[in-house]
Amino acid sequence: MNRRDDANPFDEENAPLSWDELHIVFCIFAAIAPPVVFHRNSLAGILTAVDGFSKHVLVGIFYLVGFALFTLEALLSVWVLQKVYMYFRGRK
């Protein structure tokens, strides 16, 4: 990441960072799981977990596990992206 990258932030070399950022946004969206796409039929998410507890406790627990895994994935992705960014900036 040098001076040339500052002029053109969306070239081929910065594309993997953009995909990683998109992955983090997806993981956060999946962890929350607002009823936008599937209309109360998502596979994981805290909002669906709250609704699932009212139907059956075991269903709510499964949704909470999905929420925890997507949250862990988002945090791990942020950590890896930070390490990669620091490596290319010269601070190890």
PDB file of N, CA and C in Angstrom:
ATOM      1  N   MET A   1       0.852  -1.157   0.000  1.00  0.00           N
ATOM      2  CA  MET A   1       0.000   0.000   0.000  1.00  0.00           C
ATOM      3  C   MET A   1       0.900   1.223   0.000  1.00  0.00           C
ATOM      4  N   ASN A   2       1.016   1.797  -1.129  1.00  0.00           N
ATOM      5  CA  ASN A   2       1.913   2.943  -1.248  1.00  0.00           C
ATOM      6  C   ASN A   2       1.137   4.159  -1.727  1.00  0.00           C
ATOM      7  N   ARG A   3       1.871   5.160  -2.171  1.00  0.00           N
ATOM      8  CA  ARG A   3       1.243   6.409  -2.591  1.00  0.00           C
ATOM      9  C   ARG A   3       0.311   6.210  -3.792  1.00  0.00           C
ATOM     10  N   ARG A   4       0.636   5.265  -4.665  1.00  0.00           N
ATOM     11  CA  ARG A   4      -0.210   4.997  -5.825  1.00  0.00           C
ATOM     12  C   ARG A   4      -1.586   4.486  -5.395  1.00  0.00           C
ATOM     13  N   ASP A   5      -1.631   3.724  -4.314  1.00  0.00           N
ATOM     14  CA  ASP A   5      -2.906   3.190  -3.834  1.00  0.00           C
ATOM     15  C   ASP A   5      -3.809   4.274  -3.272  1.00  0.00           C
ATOM     16  N   ASP A   6      -3.221   5.323  -2.757  1.00  0.00           N
ATOM     17  CA  ASP A   6      -4.033   6.426  -2.248  1.00  0.00           C
ATOM     18  C   ASP A   6      -4.787   7.120  -3.374  1.00  0.00           C
ATOM     19  N   ALA A   7      -4.182   7.146  -4.565  1.00  0.00           N
ATOM     20  CA  ALA A   7      -4.829   7.801  -5.698  1.00  0.00           C
ATOM     21  C   ALA A   7      -5.967   6.952  -6.267  1.00  0.00           C
ATOM     22  N   ASN A   8      -5.788   5.638  -6.288  1.00  0.00           N
ATOM     23  CA  ASN A   8      -6.796   4.739  -6.850  1.00  0.00           C
ATOM     24  C   ASN A   8      -7.087   3.628  -5.841  1.00  0.00           C
ATOM     25  N   PRO A   9      -8.038   3.824  -4.949  1.00  0.00           N
ATOM     26  CA  PRO A   9      -8.259   2.835  -3.892  1.00  0.00           C
ATOM     27  C   PRO A   9      -8.971   1.564  -4.353  1.00  0.00           C
ATOM     28  N   PHE A  10      -9.500   1.511  -5.579  1.00  0.00           N
ATOM     29  CA  PHE A  10     -10.271   0.356  -6.025  1.00  0.00           C
ATOM     30  C   PHE A  10      -9.603  -0.347  -7.199  1.00  0.00           C
ATOM     31  N   ASP A  11      -8.329  -0.651  -7.084  1.00  0.00           N
ATOM     32  CA  ASP A  11      -7.666  -1.420  -8.122  1.00  0.00           C
ATOM     33  C   ASP A  11      -7.587  -2.885  -7.719  1.00  0.00           C
ATOM     34  N   GLU A  12      -6.872  -3.696  -8.491  1.00  0.00           N
ATOM     35  CA  GLU A  12      -6.847  -5.131  -8.254  1.00  0.00           C
ATOM     36  C   GLU A  12      -6.172  -5.501  -6.937  1.00  0.00           C
ATOM     37  N   GLU A  13      -5.207  -4.712  -6.489  1.00  0.00           N
ATOM     38  CA  GLU A  13      -4.486  -5.063  -5.273  1.00  0.00           C
ATOM     39  C   GLU A  13      -5.326  -4.836  -4.016  1.00  0.00           C
ATOM     40  N   ASN A  14      -6.225  -3.885  -4.048  1.00  0.00           N
ATOM     41  CA  ASN A  14      -7.065  -3.600  -2.878  1.00  0.00           C
ATOM     42  C   ASN A  14      -8.390  -4.348  -2.915  1.00  0.00           C
ATOM     43  N   ALA A  15      -8.640  -5.095  -3.968  1.00  0.00           N
ATOM     44  CA  ALA A  15      -9.899  -5.823  -4.072  1.00  0.00           C
ATOM     45  C   ALA A  15     -10.072  -6.863  -2.972  1.00  0.00           C
ATOM     46  N   PRO A  16      -9.037  -7.618  -2.572  1.00  0.00           N
ATOM     47  CA  PRO A  16      -9.257  -8.573  -1.468  1.00  0.00           C
ATOM     48  C   PRO A  16      -9.668  -7.894  -0.167  1.00  0.00           C
ATOM     49  N   LEU A  17      -9.148  -6.725   0.117  1.00  0.00           N
ATOM     50  CA  LEU A  17      -9.570  -6.023   1.321  1.00  0.00           C
ATOM     51  C   LEU A  17     -11.032  -5.622   1.235  1.00  0.00           C
ATOM     52  N   SER A  18     -11.481  -5.250   0.054  1.00  0.00           N
ATOM     53  CA  SER A  18     -12.883  -4.890  -0.116  1.00  0.00           C
ATOM     54  C   SER A  18     -13.788  -6.109   0.082  1.00  0.00           C
ATOM     55  N   TRP A  19     -13.354  -7.274  -0.396  1.00  0.00           N
ATOM     56  CA  TRP A  19     -14.141  -8.487  -0.202  1.00  0.00           C
ATOM     57  C   TRP A  19     -14.190  -8.876   1.260  1.00  0.00           C
ATOM     58  N   ASP A  20     -13.083  -8.671   1.973  1.00  0.00           N
ATOM     59  CA  ASP A  20     -13.077  -8.960   3.401  1.00  0.00           C
ATOM     60  C   ASP A  20     -14.030  -8.039   4.153  1.00  0.00           C
ATOM     61  N   GLU A  21     -14.049  -6.781   3.777  1.00  0.00           N
ATOM     62  CA  GLU A  21     -14.975  -5.841   4.407  1.00  0.00           C
ATOM     63  C   GLU A  21     -16.422  -6.224   4.113  1.00  0.00           C
ATOM     64  N   LEU A  22     -16.691  -6.665   2.898  1.00  0.00           N
ATOM     65  CA  LEU A  22     -18.038  -7.125   2.557  1.00  0.00           C
ATOM     66  C   LEU A  22     -18.412  -8.366   3.371  1.00  0.00           C
ATOM     67  N   HIS A  23     -17.456  -9.242   3.595  1.00  0.00           N
ATOM     68  CA  HIS A  23     -17.698 -10.436   4.405  1.00  0.00           C
ATOM     69  C   HIS A  23     -18.035 -10.059   5.844  1.00  0.00           C
ATOM     70  N   ILE A  24     -17.351  -9.074   6.387  1.00  0.00           N
ATOM     71  CA  ILE A  24     -17.624  -8.629   7.756  1.00  0.00           C
ATOM     72  C   ILE A  24     -19.024  -8.038   7.849  1.00  0.00           C
ATOM     73  N   VAL A  25     -19.408  -7.241   6.865  1.00  0.00           N
ATOM     74  CA  VAL A  25     -20.752  -6.655   6.859  1.00  0.00           C
ATOM     75  C   VAL A  25     -21.814  -7.754   6.770  1.00  0.00           C
ATOM     76  N   PHE A  26     -21.556  -8.776   5.949  1.00  0.00           N
ATOM     77  CA  PHE A  26     -22.502  -9.885   5.849  1.00  0.00           C
ATOM     78  C   PHE A  26     -22.628 -10.626   7.179  1.00  0.00           C
ATOM     79  N   CYS A  27     -21.501 -10.868   7.857  1.00  0.00           N
ATOM     80  CA  CYS A  27     -21.550 -11.583   9.139  1.00  0.00           C
ATOM     81  C   CYS A  27     -22.323 -10.787  10.185  1.00  0.00           C
ATOM     82  N   ILE A  28     -22.151  -9.485  10.201  1.00  0.00           N
ATOM     83  CA  ILE A  28     -22.904  -8.655  11.146  1.00  0.00           C
ATOM     84  C   ILE A  28     -24.391  -8.682  10.806  1.00  0.00           C
ATOM     85  N   PHE A  29     -24.703  -8.601   9.508  1.00  0.00           N
ATOM     86  CA  PHE A  29     -26.104  -8.670   9.077  1.00  0.00           C
ATOM     87  C   PHE A  29     -26.715 -10.021   9.434  1.00  0.00           C
ATOM     88  N   ALA A  30     -25.964 -11.101   9.250  1.00  0.00           N
ATOM     89  CA  ALA A  30     -26.477 -12.438   9.568  1.00  0.00           C
ATOM     90  C   ALA A  30     -26.621 -12.634  11.068  1.00  0.00           C
ATOM     91  N   ALA A  31     -25.745 -12.007  11.853  1.00  0.00           N
ATOM     92  CA  ALA A  31     -25.850 -12.144  13.311  1.00  0.00           C
ATOM     93  C   ALA A  31     -27.086 -11.433  13.843  1.00  0.00           C
ATOM     94  N   ILE A  32     -27.429 -10.322  13.246  1.00  0.00           N
ATOM     95  CA  ILE A  32     -28.629  -9.596  13.672  1.00  0.00           C
ATOM     96  C   ILE A  32     -29.872 -10.226  13.046  1.00  0.00           C
ATOM     97  N   ALA A  33     -29.800 -10.552  11.766  1.00  0.00           N
ATOM     98  CA  ALA A  33     -30.867 -11.199  11.000  1.00  0.00           C
ATOM     99  C   ALA A  33     -32.183 -10.441  11.069  1.00  0.00           C
ATOM    100  N   PRO A  34     -32.198  -9.203  10.567  1.00  0.00           N
ATOM    101  CA  PRO A  34     -33.487  -8.508  10.528  1.00  0.00           C
ATOM    102  C   PRO A  34     -34.415  -9.181   9.518  1.00  0.00           C
ATOM    103  N   PRO A  35     -35.713  -9.152   9.747  1.00  0.00           N
ATOM    104  CA  PRO A  35     -36.644  -9.855   8.849  1.00  0.00           C
ATOM    105  C   PRO A  35     -36.881  -9.088   7.552  1.00  0.00           C
ATOM    106  N   VAL A  36     -35.823  -8.855   6.803  1.00  0.00           N
ATOM    107  CA  VAL A  36     -35.921  -8.112   5.551  1.00  0.00           C
ATOM    108  C   VAL A  36     -36.021  -9.068   4.374  1.00  0.00           C
ATOM    109  N   VAL A  37     -35.154 -10.066   4.349  1.00  0.00           N
ATOM    110  CA  VAL A  37     -35.060 -10.945   3.188  1.00  0.00           C
ATOM    111  C   VAL A  37     -36.017 -12.135   3.307  1.00  0.00           C
ATOM    112  N   PHE A  38     -35.965 -12.831   4.441  1.00  0.00           N
ATOM    113  CA  PHE A  38     -36.708 -14.080   4.570  1.00  0.00           C
ATOM    114  C   PHE A  38     -38.010 -13.958   5.354  1.00  0.00           C
ATOM    115  N   HIS A  39     -38.313 -12.810   5.891  1.00  0.00           N
ATOM    116  CA  HIS A  39     -39.574 -12.569   6.598  1.00  0.00           C
ATOM    117  C   HIS A  39     -39.819 -13.593   7.712  1.00  0.00           C
ATOM    118  N   ARG A  40     -38.988 -13.505   8.751  1.00  0.00           N
ATOM    119  CA  ARG A  40     -39.069 -14.314   9.968  1.00  0.00           C
ATOM    120  C   ARG A  40     -38.664 -15.764   9.763  1.00  0.00           C
ATOM    121  N   ASN A  41     -37.937 -16.084   8.719  1.00  0.00           N
ATOM    122  CA  ASN A  41     -37.481 -17.447   8.503  1.00  0.00           C
ATOM    123  C   ASN A  41     -35.974 -17.495   8.259  1.00  0.00           C
ATOM    124  N   SER A  42     -35.210 -16.710   8.995  1.00  0.00           N
ATOM    125  CA  SER A  42     -33.767 -16.725   8.800  1.00  0.00           C
ATOM    126  C   SER A  42     -33.163 -17.942   9.481  1.00  0.00           C
ATOM    127  N   LEU A  43     -31.905 -18.236   9.174  1.00  0.00           N
ATOM    128  CA  LEU A  43     -31.244 -19.404   9.725  1.00  0.00           C
ATOM    129  C   LEU A  43     -30.527 -19.125  11.036  1.00  0.00           C
ATOM    130  N   ALA A  44     -30.212 -17.871  11.305  1.00  0.00           N
ATOM    131  CA  ALA A  44     -29.522 -17.496  12.540  1.00  0.00           C
ATOM    132  C   ALA A  44     -29.826 -16.031  12.808  1.00  0.00           C
ATOM    133  N   GLY A  45     -29.578 -15.618  14.031  1.00  0.00           N
ATOM    134  CA  GLY A  45     -29.741 -14.211  14.339  1.00  0.00           C
ATOM    135  C   GLY A  45     -30.379 -13.970  15.685  1.00  0.00           C
ATOM    136  N   ILE A  46     -30.035 -12.847  16.259  1.00  0.00           N
ATOM    137  CA  ILE A  46     -30.522 -12.526  17.594  1.00  0.00           C
ATOM    138  C   ILE A  46     -32.013 -12.170  17.563  1.00  0.00           C
ATOM    139  N   LEU A  47     -32.455 -11.510  16.515  1.00  0.00           N
ATOM    140  CA  LEU A  47     -33.880 -11.160  16.442  1.00  0.00           C
ATOM    141  C   LEU A  47     -34.748 -12.398  16.277  1.00  0.00           C
ATOM    142  N   THR A  48     -34.277 -13.349  15.493  1.00  0.00           N
ATOM    143  CA  THR A  48     -35.016 -14.598  15.332  1.00  0.00           C
ATOM    144  C   THR A  48     -34.944 -15.440  16.601  1.00  0.00           C
ATOM    145  N   ALA A  49     -33.831 -15.340  17.340  1.00  0.00           N
ATOM    146  CA  ALA A  49     -33.704 -16.087  18.596  1.00  0.00           C
ATOM    147  C   ALA A  49     -34.716 -15.604  19.619  1.00  0.00           C
ATOM    148  N   VAL A  50     -34.905 -14.299  19.698  1.00  0.00           N
ATOM    149  CA  VAL A  50     -35.892 -13.760  20.640  1.00  0.00           C
ATOM    150  C   VAL A  50     -37.290 -14.250  20.268  1.00  0.00           C
ATOM    151  N   ASP A  51     -37.580 -14.262  18.975  1.00  0.00           N
ATOM    152  CA  ASP A  51     -38.879 -14.766  18.518  1.00  0.00           C
ATOM    153  C   ASP A  51     -38.984 -16.272  18.722  1.00  0.00           C
ATOM    154  N   GLY A  52     -37.862 -16.994  18.585  1.00  0.00           N
ATOM    155  CA  GLY A  52     -37.871 -18.447  18.741  1.00  0.00           C
ATOM    156  C   GLY A  52     -38.096 -18.890  20.169  1.00  0.00           C
ATOM    157  N   PHE A  53     -37.636 -18.090  21.140  1.00  0.00           N
ATOM    158  CA  PHE A  53     -37.855 -18.445  22.540  1.00  0.00           C
ATOM    159  C   PHE A  53     -39.338 -18.432  22.898  1.00  0.00           C
ATOM    160  N   SER A  54     -40.103 -17.598  22.217  1.00  0.00           N
ATOM    161  CA  SER A  54     -41.536 -17.568  22.526  1.00  0.00           C
ATOM    162  C   SER A  54     -42.248 -18.810  22.011  1.00  0.00           C
ATOM    163  N   LYS A  55     -41.690 -19.463  20.994  1.00  0.00           N
ATOM    164  CA  LYS A  55     -42.311 -20.672  20.450  1.00  0.00           C
ATOM    165  C   LYS A  55     -41.837 -21.925  21.191  1.00  0.00           C
ATOM    166  N   HIS A  56     -40.527 -22.066  21.294  1.00  0.00           N
ATOM    167  CA  HIS A  56     -39.951 -23.236  21.951  1.00  0.00           C
ATOM    168  C   HIS A  56     -38.543 -22.881  22.397  1.00  0.00           C
ATOM    169  N   VAL A  57     -38.164 -23.292  23.591  1.00  0.00           N
ATOM    170  CA  VAL A  57     -36.875 -22.901  24.169  1.00  0.00           C
ATOM    171  C   VAL A  57     -35.716 -23.487  23.380  1.00  0.00           C
ATOM    172  N   LEU A  58     -35.834 -24.736  22.927  1.00  0.00           N
ATOM    173  CA  LEU A  58     -34.747 -25.368  22.180  1.00  0.00           C
ATOM    174  C   LEU A  58     -34.498 -24.667  20.853  1.00  0.00           C
ATOM    175  N   VAL A  59     -35.549 -24.218  20.201  1.00  0.00           N
ATOM    176  CA  VAL A  59     -35.406 -23.472  18.951  1.00  0.00           C
ATOM    177  C   VAL A  59     -34.664 -22.163  19.195  1.00  0.00           C
ATOM    178  N   GLY A  60     -34.999 -21.485  20.277  1.00  0.00           N
ATOM    179  CA  GLY A  60     -34.312 -20.250  20.624  1.00  0.00           C
ATOM    180  C   GLY A  60     -32.846 -20.468  20.922  1.00  0.00           C
ATOM    181  N   ILE A  61     -32.527 -21.589  21.554  1.00  0.00           N
ATOM    182  CA  ILE A  61     -31.123 -21.901  21.849  1.00  0.00           C
ATOM    183  C   ILE A  61     -30.342 -22.139  20.554  1.00  0.00           C
ATOM    184  N   PHE A  62     -30.937 -22.839  19.618  1.00  0.00           N
ATOM    185  CA  PHE A  62     -30.265 -23.058  18.334  1.00  0.00           C
ATOM    186  C   PHE A  62     -30.012 -21.739  17.605  1.00  0.00           C
ATOM    187  N   TYR A  63     -30.978 -20.835  17.642  1.00  0.00           N
ATOM    188  CA  TYR A  63     -30.778 -19.527  17.022  1.00  0.00           C
ATOM    189  C   TYR A  63     -29.698 -18.727  17.747  1.00  0.00           C
ATOM    190  N   LEU A  64     -29.620 -18.854  19.062  1.00  0.00           N
ATOM    191  CA  LEU A  64     -28.562 -18.177  19.813  1.00  0.00           C
ATOM    192  C   LEU A  64     -27.182 -18.731  19.464  1.00  0.00           C
ATOM    193  N   VAL A  65     -27.096 -20.030  19.221  1.00  0.00           N
ATOM    194  CA  VAL A  65     -25.824 -20.618  18.792  1.00  0.00           C
ATOM    195  C   VAL A  65     -25.422 -20.052  17.436  1.00  0.00           C
ATOM    196  N   GLY A  66     -26.363 -19.933  16.518  1.00  0.00           N
ATOM    197  CA  GLY A  66     -26.071 -19.333  15.219  1.00  0.00           C
ATOM    198  C   GLY A  66     -25.640 -17.883  15.351  1.00  0.00           C
ATOM    199  N   PHE A  67     -26.301 -17.140  16.229  1.00  0.00           N
ATOM    200  CA  PHE A  67     -25.910 -15.755  16.485  1.00  0.00           C
ATOM    201  C   PHE A  67     -24.494 -15.682  17.032  1.00  0.00           C
ATOM    202  N   ALA A  68     -24.169 -16.563  17.977  1.00  0.00           N
ATOM    203  CA  ALA A  68     -22.821 -16.560  18.570  1.00  0.00           C
ATOM    204  C   ALA A  68     -21.766 -16.913  17.539  1.00  0.00           C
ATOM    205  N   LEU A  69     -22.050 -17.862  16.662  1.00  0.00           N
ATOM    206  CA  LEU A  69     -21.066 -18.244  15.650  1.00  0.00           C
ATOM    207  C   LEU A  69     -20.846 -17.139  14.624  1.00  0.00           C
ATOM    208  N   PHE A  70     -21.904 -16.481  14.182  1.00  0.00           N
ATOM    209  CA  PHE A  70     -21.733 -15.372  13.241  1.00  0.00           C
ATOM    210  C   PHE A  70     -21.024 -14.194  13.896  1.00  0.00           C
ATOM    211  N   THR A  71     -21.282 -13.950  15.178  1.00  0.00           N
ATOM    212  CA  THR A  71     -20.582 -12.887  15.884  1.00  0.00           C
ATOM    213  C   THR A  71     -19.100 -13.220  16.022  1.00  0.00           C
ATOM    214  N   LEU A  72     -18.803 -14.464  16.351  1.00  0.00           N
ATOM    215  CA  LEU A  72     -17.414 -14.902  16.440  1.00  0.00           C
ATOM    216  C   LEU A  72     -16.715 -14.790  15.093  1.00  0.00           C
ATOM    217  N   GLU A  73     -17.395 -15.153  14.023  1.00  0.00           N
ATOM    218  CA  GLU A  73     -16.832 -15.036  12.682  1.00  0.00           C
ATOM    219  C   GLU A  73     -16.529 -13.588  12.327  1.00  0.00           C
ATOM    220  N   ALA A  74     -17.427 -12.676  12.668  1.00  0.00           N
ATOM    221  CA  ALA A  74     -17.202 -11.257  12.377  1.00  0.00           C
ATOM    222  C   ALA A  74     -16.016 -10.726  13.173  1.00  0.00           C
ATOM    223  N   LEU A  75     -15.923 -11.075  14.455  1.00  0.00           N
ATOM    224  CA  LEU A  75     -14.804 -10.612  15.277  1.00  0.00           C
ATOM    225  C   LEU A  75     -13.483 -11.193  14.794  1.00  0.00           C
ATOM    226  N   LEU A  76     -13.477 -12.461  14.419  1.00  0.00           N
ATOM    227  CA  LEU A  76     -12.263 -13.077  13.898  1.00  0.00           C
ATOM    228  C   LEU A  76     -11.850 -12.440  12.577  1.00  0.00           C
ATOM    229  N   SER A  77     -12.804 -12.124  11.728  1.00  0.00           N
ATOM    230  CA  SER A  77     -12.493 -11.487  10.453  1.00  0.00           C
ATOM    231  C   SER A  77     -11.926 -10.084  10.648  1.00  0.00           C
ATOM    232  N   VAL A  78     -12.456  -9.345  11.608  1.00  0.00           N
ATOM    233  CA  VAL A  78     -11.918  -8.017  11.904  1.00  0.00           C
ATOM    234  C   VAL A  78     -10.490  -8.132  12.420  1.00  0.00           C
ATOM    235  N   TRP A  79     -10.227  -9.111  13.274  1.00  0.00           N
ATOM    236  CA  TRP A  79      -8.892  -9.315  13.815  1.00  0.00           C
ATOM    237  C   TRP A  79      -7.892  -9.670  12.714  1.00  0.00           C
ATOM    238  N   VAL A  80      -8.281 -10.581  11.811  1.00  0.00           N
ATOM    239  CA  VAL A  80      -7.398 -10.968  10.708  1.00  0.00           C
ATOM    240  C   VAL A  80      -7.168  -9.794   9.772  1.00  0.00           C
ATOM    241  N   LEU A  81      -8.205  -9.042   9.458  1.00  0.00           N
ATOM    242  CA  LEU A  81      -8.048  -7.889   8.585  1.00  0.00           C
ATOM    243  C   LEU A  81      -7.128  -6.850   9.210  1.00  0.00           C
ATOM    244  N   GLN A  82      -7.215  -6.670  10.516  1.00  0.00           N
ATOM    245  CA  GLN A  82      -6.330  -5.740  11.204  1.00  0.00           C
ATOM    246  C   GLN A  82      -4.880  -6.221  11.128  1.00  0.00           C
ATOM    247  N   LYS A  83      -4.638  -7.508  11.330  1.00  0.00           N
ATOM    248  CA  LYS A  83      -3.279  -8.055  11.256  1.00  0.00           C
ATOM    249  C   LYS A  83      -2.700  -7.915   9.848  1.00  0.00           C
ATOM    250  N   VAL A  84      -3.500  -8.184   8.823  1.00  0.00           N
ATOM    251  CA  VAL A  84      -3.037  -8.059   7.441  1.00  0.00           C
ATOM    252  C   VAL A  84      -2.740  -6.606   7.108  1.00  0.00           C
ATOM    253  N   TYR A  85      -3.601  -5.714   7.549  1.00  0.00           N
ATOM    254  CA  TYR A  85      -3.394  -4.283   7.293  1.00  0.00           C
ATOM    255  C   TYR A  85      -2.113  -3.795   7.961  1.00  0.00           C
ATOM    256  N   MET A  86      -1.887  -4.191   9.195  1.00  0.00           N
ATOM    257  CA  MET A  86      -0.673  -3.792   9.901  1.00  0.00           C
ATOM    258  C   MET A  86       0.573  -4.396   9.288  1.00  0.00           C
ATOM    259  N   TYR A  87       0.462  -5.620   8.759  1.00  0.00           N
ATOM    260  CA  TYR A  87       1.611  -6.250   8.109  1.00  0.00           C
ATOM    261  C   TYR A  87       2.007  -5.472   6.858  1.00  0.00           C
ATOM    262  N   PHE A  88       1.030  -5.071   6.060  1.00  0.00           N
ATOM    263  CA  PHE A  88       1.348  -4.351   4.832  1.00  0.00           C
ATOM    264  C   PHE A  88       1.724  -2.899   5.095  1.00  0.00           C
ATOM    265  N   ARG A  89       1.379  -2.368   6.228  1.00  0.00           N
ATOM    266  CA  ARG A  89       1.792  -1.016   6.592  1.00  0.00           C
ATOM    267  C   ARG A  89       3.171  -0.980   7.231  1.00  0.00           C
ATOM    268  N   GLY A  90       3.730  -2.144   7.537  1.00  0.00           N
ATOM    269  CA  GLY A  90       5.076  -2.203   8.044  1.00  0.00           C
ATOM    270  C   GLY A  90       5.183  -2.403   9.540  1.00  0.00           C
ATOM    271  N   ARG A  91       4.067  -2.408  10.255  1.00  0.00           N
ATOM    272  CA  ARG A  91       4.090  -2.670  11.703  1.00  0.00           C
ATOM    273  C   ARG A  91       3.670  -4.109  11.941  1.00  0.00           C
ATOM    274  N   LYS A  92       4.560  -4.883  12.513  1.00  0.00           N
ATOM    275  CA  LYS A  92       4.242  -6.304  12.690  1.00  0.00           C
ATOM    276  C   LYS A  92       3.824  -6.569  14.054  1.00  0.00           C
TER     277      LYS A  92
END
